[in-house]
Amino acid sequence: MASLTVPPVPPCPRQDAIDLHKAFKGFGCDSTTVINILAHRDAVQRALIQQEYRAVFNQDLSRRIASELSGHHKRAMLLWILDPATRDATILKQALAGDVTDLRAATEVVCSRTPSQLQIMRQTYRARFGCYVEHDVTERCSGDHQRLLLAYLGISRYEGPEVDPSAVTLDARELYKAGERRLGTDERAFIRVFSERSWAHIAAVAAAYQHMYGRSLEKAIKGETSGNFGFGLLTILRCAESPARYFAKVLHKAMQGLGTSDSALIRVVVTRAEIDMQYIKEEYHRLYKTSLADAIYAETSGNYRTFLLSLVGRDRIY
């Protein structure tokens, strides 16, 4: 369930474009107006606003935002105004071929998305950047990590809830034989199961593994794999079991300790606000006994804080 709130009566995209242009004019930017408009419009409405802005003012809204805003607020807003597939493609491109390579971020985006989301993202990546995402993965990743991501991107998986109990038992047994039962690890078996099976199937395999061998599949992965390959397998497993719990933990880690991982905070908030942020907030409160909004408020400031809280939804008046 999304956390995004939009006006009950859809506003006029042209009027929104005009109001944004007024907010940009003059000395300084009226960030409050910009946030009040863009943080409360869904993907279709944001696309229409950008079309109207280009038609009326002969300028891309994204370029104007880039020139008017700054810092983390600018980074978050520039990602937010994109449609979901273009946003994922942009995050992946920046993670794989940007000034600073972030293979964890790239792995998270690939391994936490559904097959239908990945299919649209791959097409968008090719259209927007003129190359295949598989090419950039091959260039930047290596070994079993590379093989896992390429398989996960390329294989079509079932997205429904039904599972075959006999196939679940066979896969649990195969993973045990490929890992904890032998000396060394058969990584190909892990890649095959995790890249070919649905989330519902993998969650059932994890339950069967626990029942059959008295040990969690997550602990087996941690013991048998490492690095970005292990991180990818764990991301798939955790999202198969509960995407909301997975992203709640990512957000907590991003804000834990000294300093904040703003790239992770921005990435999760802008990509999940229109999907399942309400469930993520519930999991966050269940796990950490505080609200996500309170945590964001404590770790951010200024217009950046206001924007993120507008997407997540405030639990009280700050």
Protein backbone atom coordinates (compact mmCIF):
# COMPACT_ATOMS: atom_id res chain seq x y z
CA MET A 1 0.00 0.00 0.00
CA ALA A 2 1.36 3.39 -1.04
CA SER A 3 2.04 6.26 1.37
CA LEU A 4 1.69 8.91 -1.34
CA THR A 5 -1.23 11.29 -0.77
CA VAL A 6 -2.78 13.15 -3.71
CA PRO A 7 -5.64 15.68 -3.85
CA PRO A 8 -9.09 14.05 -4.14
CA VAL A 9 -9.77 16.05 -7.29
CA PRO A 10 -6.89 15.74 -9.81
CA PRO A 11 -5.31 19.19 -10.26
CA CYS A 12 -4.79 20.71 -13.69
CA PRO A 13 -1.29 19.75 -14.94
CA ARG A 14 -0.89 23.05 -16.78
CA GLN A 15 -1.74 25.05 -13.66
CA ASP A 16 0.74 22.94 -11.69
CA ALA A 17 3.38 23.70 -14.32
CA ILE A 18 2.62 27.43 -14.13
CA ASP A 19 2.73 27.40 -10.32
CA LEU A 20 6.07 25.59 -10.39
CA HIS A 21 7.47 28.15 -12.83
CA LYS A 22 6.38 30.95 -10.49
CA ALA A 23 8.06 29.15 -7.59
CA PHE A 24 11.33 29.07 -9.54
CA LYS A 25 11.28 32.74 -10.59
CA GLY A 26 12.96 35.54 -8.74
CA PHE A 27 15.64 35.42 -6.09
CA GLY A 28 15.68 31.99 -4.52
CA CYS A 29 13.28 29.12 -4.98
CA ASP A 30 9.93 28.71 -3.23
CA SER A 31 10.72 25.14 -2.18
CA THR A 32 7.54 24.83 -0.13
CA THR A 33 5.39 25.25 -3.24
CA VAL A 34 7.57 22.85 -5.24
CA ILE A 35 7.25 20.18 -2.55
CA ASN A 36 3.52 20.78 -2.04
CA ILE A 37 2.93 20.15 -5.73
CA LEU A 38 5.35 17.40 -6.76
CA ALA A 39 5.29 15.39 -3.52
CA HIS A 40 1.52 15.02 -3.85
CA ARG A 41 1.17 13.93 -7.47
CA ASP A 42 1.30 10.35 -8.73
CA ALA A 43 3.49 9.13 -11.59
CA VAL A 44 0.91 9.87 -14.30
CA GLN A 45 0.27 13.37 -12.95
CA ARG A 46 4.00 14.12 -12.70
CA ALA A 47 4.50 13.04 -16.31
CA LEU A 48 1.67 15.35 -17.45
CA ILE A 49 3.15 18.25 -15.47
CA GLN A 50 6.50 17.73 -17.19
CA GLN A 51 4.81 17.66 -20.60
CA GLU A 52 2.96 20.90 -19.85
CA TYR A 53 6.08 22.58 -18.45
CA ARG A 54 7.99 21.75 -21.62
CA ALA A 55 5.12 22.90 -23.84
CA VAL A 56 4.52 26.20 -22.03
CA PHE A 57 8.05 27.22 -21.05
CA ASN A 58 10.16 25.35 -23.63
CA GLN A 59 12.35 23.86 -20.91
CA ASP A 60 12.67 20.50 -19.20
CA LEU A 61 11.34 20.56 -15.66
CA SER A 62 14.21 18.31 -14.56
CA ARG A 63 16.79 20.85 -15.74
CA ARG A 64 15.03 23.66 -13.93
CA ILE A 65 14.87 21.61 -10.74
CA ALA A 66 18.57 20.79 -11.09
CA SER A 67 19.39 24.50 -11.31
CA GLU A 68 17.09 25.60 -8.47
CA LEU A 69 17.55 22.91 -5.82
CA SER A 70 20.72 21.53 -4.27
CA GLY A 71 22.19 18.67 -2.29
CA HIS A 72 20.18 15.68 -1.18
CA HIS A 73 16.91 17.51 -1.81
CA LYS A 74 17.82 17.90 -5.48
CA ARG A 75 18.92 14.28 -5.83
CA ALA A 76 15.70 13.03 -4.27
CA MET A 77 13.44 15.30 -6.32
CA LEU A 78 15.14 14.49 -9.63
CA LEU A 79 14.57 10.78 -9.00
CA TRP A 80 11.02 11.29 -7.76
CA ILE A 81 9.73 13.06 -10.87
CA LEU A 82 10.72 10.07 -13.04
CA ASP A 83 8.32 7.23 -13.78
CA PRO A 84 9.15 4.02 -11.83
CA ALA A 85 10.90 2.18 -14.69
CA THR A 86 13.00 5.21 -15.68
CA ARG A 87 13.86 5.81 -12.03
CA ASP A 88 15.09 2.24 -11.56
CA ALA A 89 17.04 2.45 -14.82
CA THR A 90 18.63 5.73 -13.71
CA ILE A 91 19.58 4.39 -10.28
CA LEU A 92 21.12 1.33 -11.93
CA LYS A 93 23.04 3.39 -14.47
CA GLN A 94 24.42 5.66 -11.76
CA ALA A 95 25.34 2.65 -9.61
CA LEU A 96 27.04 0.75 -12.43
CA ALA A 97 28.60 3.51 -14.53
CA GLY A 98 28.61 6.65 -12.39
CA ASP A 99 31.55 8.44 -10.86
CA VAL A 100 31.35 6.08 -7.86
CA THR A 101 30.35 2.46 -8.50
CA ASP A 102 27.79 1.16 -5.98
CA LEU A 103 27.32 -2.55 -6.64
CA ARG A 104 25.21 -2.99 -3.52
CA ALA A 105 22.67 -0.45 -4.79
CA ALA A 106 22.67 -2.09 -8.24
CA THR A 107 22.18 -5.51 -6.69
CA GLU A 108 19.33 -4.28 -4.50
CA VAL A 109 17.46 -2.76 -7.43
CA VAL A 110 17.78 -5.90 -9.57
CA CYS A 111 17.10 -8.48 -6.87
CA SER A 112 14.19 -6.69 -5.19
CA ARG A 113 12.09 -6.15 -8.32
CA THR A 114 9.45 -8.38 -9.87
CA PRO A 115 9.99 -9.95 -13.31
CA SER A 116 7.48 -7.57 -14.91
CA GLN A 117 9.20 -4.56 -13.32
CA LEU A 118 12.59 -5.79 -14.55
CA GLN A 119 11.28 -6.33 -18.08
CA ILE A 120 10.04 -2.74 -18.37
CA MET A 121 13.20 -1.40 -16.70
CA ARG A 122 15.44 -3.25 -19.18
CA GLN A 123 13.55 -1.77 -22.13
CA THR A 124 13.71 1.70 -20.58
CA TYR A 125 17.44 1.35 -19.84
CA ARG A 126 18.14 0.50 -23.49
CA ALA A 127 16.00 3.38 -24.78
CA ARG A 128 17.37 5.98 -22.36
CA PHE A 129 21.07 5.11 -22.26
CA GLY A 130 21.64 3.43 -25.63
CA CYS A 131 23.02 0.21 -24.21
CA TYR A 132 21.75 -2.95 -22.57
CA VAL A 133 21.79 -3.13 -18.79
CA GLU A 134 23.32 -6.59 -19.17
CA HIS A 135 26.32 -4.96 -20.86
CA ASP A 136 26.94 -2.65 -17.91
CA VAL A 137 26.46 -5.51 -15.45
CA THR A 138 29.02 -7.57 -17.36
CA GLU A 139 31.47 -4.64 -17.39
CA ARG A 140 31.19 -3.82 -13.69
CA CYS A 141 30.43 -7.12 -11.96
CA SER A 142 32.30 -10.38 -11.93
CA GLY A 143 32.16 -14.04 -10.98
CA ASP A 144 29.09 -15.54 -9.36
CA HIS A 145 27.72 -12.08 -8.59
CA GLN A 146 27.70 -11.25 -12.28
CA ARG A 147 26.15 -14.61 -13.19
CA LEU A 148 23.38 -14.17 -10.60
CA LEU A 149 22.43 -10.68 -11.80
CA LEU A 150 22.47 -11.66 -15.48
CA ALA A 151 20.31 -14.70 -14.76
CA TYR A 152 17.91 -12.71 -12.61
CA LEU A 153 17.56 -10.05 -15.29
CA GLY A 154 17.15 -12.49 -18.15
CA ILE A 155 14.91 -15.27 -16.87
CA SER A 156 11.13 -14.90 -16.81
CA ARG A 157 9.67 -16.05 -13.49
CA TYR A 158 6.14 -16.82 -12.35
CA GLU A 159 4.72 -14.04 -10.15
CA GLY A 160 1.68 -15.77 -8.65
CA PRO A 161 1.21 -17.28 -5.16
CA GLU A 162 0.88 -20.95 -6.13
CA VAL A 163 3.74 -23.36 -5.44
CA ASP A 164 4.40 -27.04 -6.15
CA PRO A 165 5.20 -28.73 -2.80
CA SER A 166 7.19 -31.52 -4.42
CA ALA A 167 9.33 -29.02 -6.35
CA VAL A 168 9.82 -27.03 -3.15
CA THR A 169 11.15 -30.13 -1.36
CA LEU A 170 13.47 -30.96 -4.25
CA ASP A 171 14.91 -27.44 -4.31
CA ALA A 172 15.42 -27.39 -0.54
CA ARG A 173 17.27 -30.69 -0.80
CA GLU A 174 19.35 -29.46 -3.76
CA LEU A 175 20.40 -26.31 -1.90
CA TYR A 176 21.41 -28.38 1.13
CA LYS A 177 23.49 -30.71 -1.04
CA ALA A 178 25.01 -27.71 -2.85
CA GLY A 179 25.99 -25.99 0.38
CA GLU A 180 26.01 -27.23 3.93
CA ARG A 181 26.25 -30.95 3.12
CA ARG A 182 29.43 -30.72 1.05
CA LEU A 183 32.90 -29.28 1.32
CA GLY A 184 32.80 -26.12 -0.71
CA THR A 185 29.74 -24.65 -2.39
CA ASP A 186 28.06 -25.37 -5.70
CA GLU A 187 27.20 -21.77 -6.54
CA ARG A 188 25.53 -22.78 -9.81
CA ALA A 189 22.78 -24.58 -7.90
CA PHE A 190 22.05 -21.49 -5.82
CA ILE A 191 21.98 -19.30 -8.93
CA ARG A 192 19.63 -21.70 -10.71
CA VAL A 193 17.09 -21.92 -7.89
CA PHE A 194 17.16 -18.23 -6.97
CA SER A 195 16.96 -16.96 -10.55
CA GLU A 196 14.37 -19.40 -11.90
CA ARG A 197 11.88 -19.67 -9.04
CA SER A 198 9.10 -17.30 -8.00
CA TRP A 199 9.18 -15.39 -4.72
CA ALA A 200 6.38 -17.58 -3.37
CA HIS A 201 8.36 -20.69 -4.26
CA ILE A 202 11.58 -19.38 -2.67
CA ALA A 203 9.73 -18.45 0.54
CA ALA A 204 8.30 -21.98 0.63
CA VAL A 205 11.78 -23.43 0.03
CA ALA A 206 13.10 -21.44 2.99
CA ALA A 207 10.33 -22.83 5.23
CA ALA A 208 10.96 -26.39 3.96
CA TYR A 209 14.72 -26.00 4.50
CA GLN A 210 14.13 -25.02 8.12
CA HIS A 211 11.75 -27.95 8.63
CA MET A 212 13.98 -30.53 6.93
CA TYR A 213 17.37 -29.51 8.32
CA GLY A 214 16.63 -27.49 11.45
CA ARG A 215 18.56 -24.52 10.14
CA SER A 216 17.48 -21.39 8.33
CA LEU A 217 18.26 -20.98 4.65
CA GLU A 218 19.42 -17.44 5.39
CA LYS A 219 22.09 -18.73 7.77
CA ALA A 220 23.12 -21.31 5.20
CA ILE A 221 23.58 -18.59 2.56
CA LYS A 222 25.61 -16.48 4.99
CA GLY A 223 27.82 -19.47 5.78
CA GLU A 224 28.28 -20.68 2.21
CA THR A 225 28.58 -17.41 0.25
CA SER A 226 30.08 -13.97 0.68
CA GLY A 227 30.40 -10.53 -0.85
CA ASN A 228 28.00 -9.16 -3.41
CA PHE A 229 26.98 -12.65 -4.51
CA GLY A 230 25.80 -13.51 -1.01
CA PHE A 231 24.15 -10.09 -0.71
CA GLY A 232 22.20 -10.75 -3.92
CA LEU A 233 20.95 -14.14 -2.73
CA LEU A 234 19.93 -12.69 0.63
CA THR A 235 18.11 -9.82 -1.07
CA ILE A 236 16.10 -12.24 -3.20
CA LEU A 237 15.30 -14.43 -0.19
CA ARG A 238 14.33 -11.56 2.09
CA CYS A 239 12.13 -9.93 -0.56
CA ALA A 240 10.51 -13.30 -1.25
CA GLU A 241 9.62 -13.60 2.43
CA SER A 242 8.64 -9.95 3.06
CA PRO A 243 9.57 -6.96 0.89
CA ALA A 244 8.27 -4.59 3.58
CA ARG A 245 10.50 -6.10 6.27
CA TYR A 246 13.47 -6.07 3.90
CA PHE A 247 13.13 -2.37 3.08
CA ALA A 248 12.39 -1.45 6.71
CA LYS A 249 15.76 -2.96 7.62
CA VAL A 250 17.50 -1.17 4.73
CA LEU A 251 16.08 2.15 5.96
CA HIS A 252 17.10 1.44 9.56
CA LYS A 253 20.64 0.58 8.50
CA ALA A 254 20.81 3.75 6.40
CA MET A 255 20.01 5.89 9.46
CA GLN A 256 21.83 3.85 12.10
CA GLY A 257 24.96 5.03 13.86
CA LEU A 258 27.02 8.10 13.00
CA GLY A 259 25.96 9.75 9.79
CA THR A 260 23.24 8.77 7.35
CA SER A 261 23.49 6.87 4.07
CA ASP A 262 21.41 9.39 2.16
CA SER A 263 21.74 7.51 -1.11
CA ALA A 264 20.04 4.45 0.42
CA LEU A 265 17.46 6.57 2.25
CA ILE A 266 16.54 8.45 -0.93
CA ARG A 267 16.52 5.30 -3.05
CA VAL A 268 14.09 3.42 -0.83
CA VAL A 269 11.76 6.33 -0.10
CA VAL A 270 11.32 7.48 -3.71
CA THR A 271 11.00 3.95 -5.13
CA ARG A 272 8.56 2.57 -2.55
CA ALA A 273 6.31 5.57 -1.79
CA GLU A 274 3.92 4.58 -4.57
CA ILE A 275 4.14 0.82 -3.93
CA ASP A 276 4.27 -0.42 -0.34
CA MET A 277 5.56 2.32 1.96
CA GLN A 278 2.61 1.93 4.35
CA TYR A 279 3.59 -1.71 4.93
CA ILE A 280 7.24 -0.70 5.30
CA LYS A 281 6.24 1.85 7.96
CA GLU A 282 4.30 -0.80 9.86
CA GLU A 283 7.27 -3.20 9.75
CA TYR A 284 9.65 -0.42 10.80
CA HIS A 285 7.53 0.36 13.86
CA ARG A 286 7.18 -3.33 14.72
CA LEU A 287 10.92 -3.96 14.47
CA TYR A 288 12.32 -0.78 16.03
CA LYS A 289 9.49 0.51 18.28
CA THR A 290 9.59 3.97 16.69
CA SER A 291 8.00 5.45 13.62
CA LEU A 292 9.85 5.76 10.33
CA ALA A 293 8.78 9.40 10.12
CA ASP A 294 10.37 10.13 13.51
CA ALA A 295 13.60 8.46 12.41
CA ILE A 296 13.72 10.47 9.17
CA TYR A 297 12.96 13.67 11.07
CA ALA A 298 15.87 13.03 13.42
CA GLU A 299 18.37 12.23 10.66
CA THR A 300 17.55 14.90 8.05
CA SER A 301 16.91 18.63 7.91
CA GLY A 302 15.50 21.48 5.88
CA ASN A 303 13.64 21.05 2.61
CA TYR A 304 15.18 17.59 2.19
CA ARG A 305 13.48 16.48 5.42
CA THR A 306 10.18 18.13 4.42
CA PHE A 307 10.20 16.40 1.05
CA LEU A 308 10.94 12.90 2.39
CA LEU A 309 8.31 13.26 5.11
CA SER A 310 5.79 14.40 2.49
CA LEU A 311 6.38 11.15 0.60
CA VAL A 312 6.46 8.88 3.65
CA GLY A 313 3.61 10.58 5.47
CA ARG A 314 3.87 12.29 8.84
CA ASP A 315 2.64 10.43 11.90
CA ARG A 316 2.28 13.67 13.88
CA ILE A 317 2.92 17.40 13.63
CA TYR A 318 6.64 18.13 13.94
